[in-house]
Amino acid sequence: MKPKLAAKVRLKHDRHDDQWLLLYPERGQVLNATAAAIAQRLDGTRTVAAIAEELAREHGAPVAEVEADVAALVEQLAAKGLLA
């Protein structure tokens, strides 16, 4: 599976508050740094495993732990209908 944010979803950086937001019809969600890093990679070209490997390499974290975080966020977004 190569998850991708749905067309109705925008990832936006709020410079004023220095935070990332997922904006979708009539709602929005503030993302922490980890969720933002994952969401930025949900472009339909990478698998969950590839995203996890990339982030683990960047942050020197165990791939298995990062993959669990990526999978959890993908599941949450899918449950809300925010993935294509």
Protein backbone atom coordinates (compact mmCIF):
# COMPACT_ATOMS: atom_id res chain seq x y z
CA MET A 1 0.00 0.00 0.00
CA LYS A 2 1.26 3.46 -0.92
CA PRO A 3 -0.90 5.85 1.14
CA LYS A 4 -1.74 9.28 -0.21
CA LEU A 5 -3.64 12.17 1.32
CA ALA A 6 -7.09 12.55 -0.23
CA ALA A 7 -7.71 15.39 -2.65
CA LYS A 8 -9.91 17.12 -0.07
CA VAL A 9 -7.02 17.27 2.43
CA ARG A 10 -4.35 19.96 2.58
CA LEU A 11 -1.20 19.85 4.65
CA LYS A 12 -0.37 23.41 5.71
CA HIS A 13 2.33 24.96 7.85
CA ASP A 14 1.09 27.78 10.07
CA ARG A 15 4.07 30.13 10.30
CA HIS A 16 2.43 32.22 13.00
CA ASP A 17 2.14 29.32 15.46
CA ASP A 18 4.94 27.26 13.85
CA GLN A 19 2.81 24.15 13.58
CA TRP A 20 1.58 21.81 10.86
CA LEU A 21 -2.12 21.37 10.17
CA LEU A 22 -4.19 18.90 8.19
CA LEU A 23 -7.11 20.84 6.78
CA TYR A 24 -10.18 19.13 5.37
CA PRO A 25 -13.79 20.17 4.82
CA GLU A 26 -15.14 21.91 7.92
CA ARG A 27 -12.38 20.49 10.10
CA GLY A 28 -8.71 20.60 10.85
CA GLN A 29 -6.18 18.79 12.92
CA VAL A 30 -2.96 20.09 14.48
CA LEU A 31 -0.07 17.68 13.93
CA ASN A 32 2.88 17.09 16.19
CA ALA A 33 6.35 16.99 14.60
CA THR A 34 6.26 13.22 14.07
CA ALA A 35 2.82 13.22 12.46
CA ALA A 36 3.80 16.15 10.24
CA ALA A 37 6.94 14.35 9.05
CA ILE A 38 4.83 11.31 8.18
CA ALA A 39 2.05 13.32 6.50
CA GLN A 40 4.57 15.14 4.32
CA ARG A 41 5.55 11.77 2.86
CA LEU A 42 2.01 10.51 2.17
CA ASP A 43 2.23 11.27 -1.54
CA GLY A 44 1.32 7.90 -2.99
CA THR A 45 4.88 7.06 -4.05
CA ARG A 46 6.13 5.38 -0.86
CA THR A 47 4.96 2.42 1.16
CA VAL A 48 4.52 2.58 4.91
CA ALA A 49 7.77 0.62 5.26
CA ALA A 50 9.65 3.03 2.97
CA ILE A 51 8.39 6.04 4.94
CA ALA A 52 9.44 4.37 8.19
CA GLU A 53 12.91 3.53 6.88
CA GLU A 54 13.43 7.09 5.66
CA LEU A 55 12.37 8.64 8.98
CA ALA A 56 14.32 6.10 11.05
CA ARG A 57 17.47 6.89 9.08
CA GLU A 58 16.95 10.66 9.48
CA HIS A 59 16.36 10.47 13.23
CA GLY A 60 18.51 7.49 14.22
CA ALA A 61 15.52 5.60 15.56
CA PRO A 62 14.68 1.88 15.37
CA VAL A 63 12.80 1.12 12.14
CA ALA A 64 10.27 -1.13 13.90
CA GLU A 65 9.19 1.65 16.29
CA VAL A 66 8.94 4.22 13.52
CA GLU A 67 6.98 1.81 11.32
CA ALA A 68 4.48 1.30 14.15
CA ASP A 69 4.01 5.08 14.40
CA VAL A 70 3.61 5.43 10.63
CA ALA A 71 1.10 2.56 10.48
CA ALA A 72 -0.90 4.02 13.39
CA LEU A 73 -1.18 7.43 11.74
CA VAL A 74 -2.10 5.90 8.39
CA GLU A 75 -4.83 3.86 10.10
CA GLN A 76 -6.19 6.95 11.86
CA LEU A 77 -6.24 8.98 8.65
CA ALA A 78 -7.86 6.12 6.74
CA ALA A 79 -10.56 5.76 9.41
CA LYS A 80 -11.38 9.47 8.98
CA GLY A 81 -11.51 9.11 5.18
CA LEU A 82 -8.47 11.34 4.68
CA LEU A 83 -6.51 8.99 2.40
CA ALA A 84 -7.05 8.43 -1.29
